[in-house]
Amino acid sequence: MLGLSISLWPDVIPSRLSIWDAAAPHSSQVFMLAGVCALMPLILGYTTWAYWVFRGKVGDGGVPLSEASPGPLHKRLLWMLAIWSASVAALAAVAMVIKLALKH
């Protein structure tokens, strides 16, 4: 998919529509950036809080940890890190698209 995108750059539809023609207006992009910047920390905070609240309640396979051996903490931490890094990557991608759109 990346190779196809690179080979077609900057056309969205070859010889018909460029990425700059398909881009949303500047005001819409600024509005979306403000919304993402306001809501992303709330989403990350809520996800972290939910994982913190429910930590250790249920083990692998849905068996309560009181009846099973406790799972390693590093698995949960890696899962939280994966969610956080995916959110940061998505935010960075949005910022990059907005930056590219503002150039043209």
C-alpha atoms as a PDB file:
ATOM      1  CA  MET A   1       0.000   0.000   0.000  1.00  0.00           C
ATOM      2  CA  LEU A   2       2.864   2.346   0.827  1.00  0.00           C
ATOM      3  CA  GLY A   3       4.501   1.640  -2.537  1.00  0.00           C
ATOM      4  CA  LEU A   4       1.266   2.414  -4.366  1.00  0.00           C
ATOM      5  CA  SER A   5       0.863   5.659  -2.443  1.00  0.00           C
ATOM      6  CA  ILE A   6       4.434   6.702  -3.236  1.00  0.00           C
ATOM      7  CA  SER A   7       4.076   5.861  -6.931  1.00  0.00           C
ATOM      8  CA  LEU A   8       0.852   7.888  -7.248  1.00  0.00           C
ATOM      9  CA  TRP A   9       2.034  10.879  -5.160  1.00  0.00           C
ATOM     10  CA  PRO A  10       0.569  13.557  -5.195  1.00  0.00           C
ATOM     11  CA  ASP A  11      -2.426  12.214  -7.126  1.00  0.00           C
ATOM     12  CA  VAL A  12      -5.326  10.642  -5.265  1.00  0.00           C
ATOM     13  CA  ILE A  13      -6.981   9.693  -8.546  1.00  0.00           C
ATOM     14  CA  PRO A  14      -4.291   9.514 -11.259  1.00  0.00           C
ATOM     15  CA  SER A  15      -4.439  12.446 -13.696  1.00  0.00           C
ATOM     16  CA  ARG A  16      -7.691  13.691 -12.166  1.00  0.00           C
ATOM     17  CA  LEU A  17      -7.420  14.704  -8.509  1.00  0.00           C
ATOM     18  CA  SER A  18      -4.347  15.679  -6.521  1.00  0.00           C
ATOM     19  CA  ILE A  19      -4.033  15.490  -2.751  1.00  0.00           C
ATOM     20  CA  TRP A  20      -4.111  19.282  -2.605  1.00  0.00           C
ATOM     21  CA  ASP A  21      -7.407  19.422  -4.521  1.00  0.00           C
ATOM     22  CA  ALA A  22      -8.907  16.758  -2.252  1.00  0.00           C
ATOM     23  CA  ALA A  23      -7.778  18.400   0.997  1.00  0.00           C
ATOM     24  CA  ALA A  24     -10.319  19.969   3.318  1.00  0.00           C
ATOM     25  CA  PRO A  25     -10.302  23.742   3.799  1.00  0.00           C
ATOM     26  CA  HIS A  26      -7.771  25.224   6.226  1.00  0.00           C
ATOM     27  CA  SER A  27     -10.441  26.154   8.772  1.00  0.00           C
ATOM     28  CA  SER A  28     -11.742  22.562   8.872  1.00  0.00           C
ATOM     29  CA  GLN A  29      -8.253  21.175   9.394  1.00  0.00           C
ATOM     30  CA  VAL A  30      -7.545  23.611  12.233  1.00  0.00           C
ATOM     31  CA  PHE A  31     -10.875  22.697  13.839  1.00  0.00           C
ATOM     32  CA  MET A  32     -10.057  18.974  13.624  1.00  0.00           C
ATOM     33  CA  LEU A  33      -6.536  19.520  14.977  1.00  0.00           C
ATOM     34  CA  ALA A  34      -7.938  21.431  17.953  1.00  0.00           C
ATOM     35  CA  GLY A  35     -10.445  18.655  18.578  1.00  0.00           C
ATOM     36  CA  VAL A  36      -7.790  15.942  18.395  1.00  0.00           C
ATOM     37  CA  CYS A  37      -5.457  17.895  20.684  1.00  0.00           C
ATOM     38  CA  ALA A  38      -8.265  18.363  23.212  1.00  0.00           C
ATOM     39  CA  LEU A  39      -9.705  14.836  23.098  1.00  0.00           C
ATOM     40  CA  MET A  40      -6.634  12.625  22.643  1.00  0.00           C
ATOM     41  CA  PRO A  41      -5.275  13.274  26.174  1.00  0.00           C
ATOM     42  CA  LEU A  42      -8.743  12.537  27.576  1.00  0.00           C
ATOM     43  CA  ILE A  43      -8.937   9.243  25.664  1.00  0.00           C
ATOM     44  CA  LEU A  44      -5.426   8.234  26.710  1.00  0.00           C
ATOM     45  CA  GLY A  45      -6.131   9.218  30.316  1.00  0.00           C
ATOM     46  CA  TYR A  46      -9.408   7.309  30.442  1.00  0.00           C
ATOM     47  CA  THR A  47      -7.823   4.212  28.876  1.00  0.00           C
ATOM     48  CA  THR A  48      -4.963   4.320  31.372  1.00  0.00           C
ATOM     49  CA  TRP A  49      -7.382   4.814  34.263  1.00  0.00           C
ATOM     50  CA  ALA A  50      -9.559   1.896  33.090  1.00  0.00           C
ATOM     51  CA  TYR A  51      -6.553  -0.408  32.854  1.00  0.00           C
ATOM     52  CA  TRP A  52      -5.419   0.752  36.300  1.00  0.00           C
ATOM     53  CA  VAL A  53      -8.830   0.136  37.866  1.00  0.00           C
ATOM     54  CA  PHE A  54      -9.226  -3.332  36.374  1.00  0.00           C
ATOM     55  CA  ARG A  55      -5.629  -4.465  36.824  1.00  0.00           C
ATOM     56  CA  GLY A  56      -5.349  -7.848  38.442  1.00  0.00           C
ATOM     57  CA  LYS A  57      -9.093  -8.548  38.473  1.00  0.00           C
ATOM     58  CA  VAL A  58      -9.162 -11.234  35.781  1.00  0.00           C
ATOM     59  CA  GLY A  59      -6.421 -13.533  34.508  1.00  0.00           C
ATOM     60  CA  ASP A  60      -5.911 -15.173  31.132  1.00  0.00           C
ATOM     61  CA  GLY A  61      -9.014 -16.912  29.833  1.00  0.00           C
ATOM     62  CA  GLY A  62     -11.401 -14.947  32.065  1.00  0.00           C
ATOM     63  CA  VAL A  63     -10.519 -16.837  35.243  1.00  0.00           C
ATOM     64  CA  PRO A  64     -10.323 -14.607  38.344  1.00  0.00           C
ATOM     65  CA  LEU A  65      -6.767 -14.244  39.546  1.00  0.00           C
ATOM     66  CA  SER A  66      -7.729 -15.547  42.986  1.00  0.00           C
ATOM     67  CA  GLU A  67      -8.277 -18.941  41.298  1.00  0.00           C
ATOM     68  CA  ALA A  68      -5.355 -18.775  38.845  1.00  0.00           C
ATOM     69  CA  SER A  69      -1.707 -17.864  38.927  1.00  0.00           C
ATOM     70  CA  PRO A  70      -1.126 -14.136  38.550  1.00  0.00           C
ATOM     71  CA  GLY A  71      -0.127 -12.984  35.061  1.00  0.00           C
ATOM     72  CA  PRO A  72       3.103 -11.092  34.585  1.00  0.00           C
ATOM     73  CA  LEU A  73       2.899  -7.352  34.924  1.00  0.00           C
ATOM     74  CA  HIS A  74       5.112  -6.795  31.891  1.00  0.00           C
ATOM     75  CA  LYS A  75       2.399  -8.106  29.529  1.00  0.00           C
ATOM     76  CA  ARG A  76      -0.079  -5.505  30.745  1.00  0.00           C
ATOM     77  CA  LEU A  77       2.501  -2.740  30.612  1.00  0.00           C
ATOM     78  CA  LEU A  78       3.479  -3.681  27.067  1.00  0.00           C
ATOM     79  CA  TRP A  79      -0.190  -3.661  26.044  1.00  0.00           C
ATOM     80  CA  MET A  80      -0.671  -0.177  27.534  1.00  0.00           C
ATOM     81  CA  LEU A  81       2.519   1.011  25.821  1.00  0.00           C
ATOM     82  CA  ALA A  82       1.259  -0.353  22.489  1.00  0.00           C
ATOM     83  CA  ILE A  83      -2.048   1.509  22.840  1.00  0.00           C
ATOM     84  CA  TRP A  84      -0.275   4.708  23.836  1.00  0.00           C
ATOM     85  CA  SER A  85       2.238   4.517  20.982  1.00  0.00           C
ATOM     86  CA  ALA A  86      -0.517   3.812  18.442  1.00  0.00           C
ATOM     87  CA  SER A  87      -2.394   6.883  19.674  1.00  0.00           C
ATOM     88  CA  VAL A  88       0.722   9.040  19.457  1.00  0.00           C
ATOM     89  CA  ALA A  89       1.449   7.723  15.952  1.00  0.00           C
ATOM     90  CA  ALA A  90      -2.094   8.559  14.861  1.00  0.00           C
ATOM     91  CA  LEU A  91      -1.779  12.056  16.296  1.00  0.00           C
ATOM     92  CA  ALA A  92       1.580  12.522  14.549  1.00  0.00           C
ATOM     93  CA  ALA A  93       0.057  11.374  11.249  1.00  0.00           C
ATOM     94  CA  VAL A  94      -2.783  13.877  11.607  1.00  0.00           C
ATOM     95  CA  ALA A  95      -0.302  16.649  12.388  1.00  0.00           C
ATOM     96  CA  MET A  96       1.825  15.712   9.372  1.00  0.00           C
ATOM     97  CA  VAL A  97      -1.157  15.755   7.028  1.00  0.00           C
ATOM     98  CA  ILE A  98      -2.219  19.150   8.352  1.00  0.00           C
ATOM     99  CA  LYS A  99       1.325  20.477   7.998  1.00  0.00           C
ATOM    100  CA  LEU A 100       1.483  19.245   4.384  1.00  0.00           C
ATOM    101  CA  ALA A 101      -1.915  20.744   3.648  1.00  0.00           C
ATOM    102  CA  LEU A 102      -0.885  24.107   5.095  1.00  0.00           C
ATOM    103  CA  LYS A 103       2.176  24.236   2.830  1.00  0.00           C
ATOM    104  CA  HIS A 104       0.038  24.323  -0.299  1.00  0.00           C
END
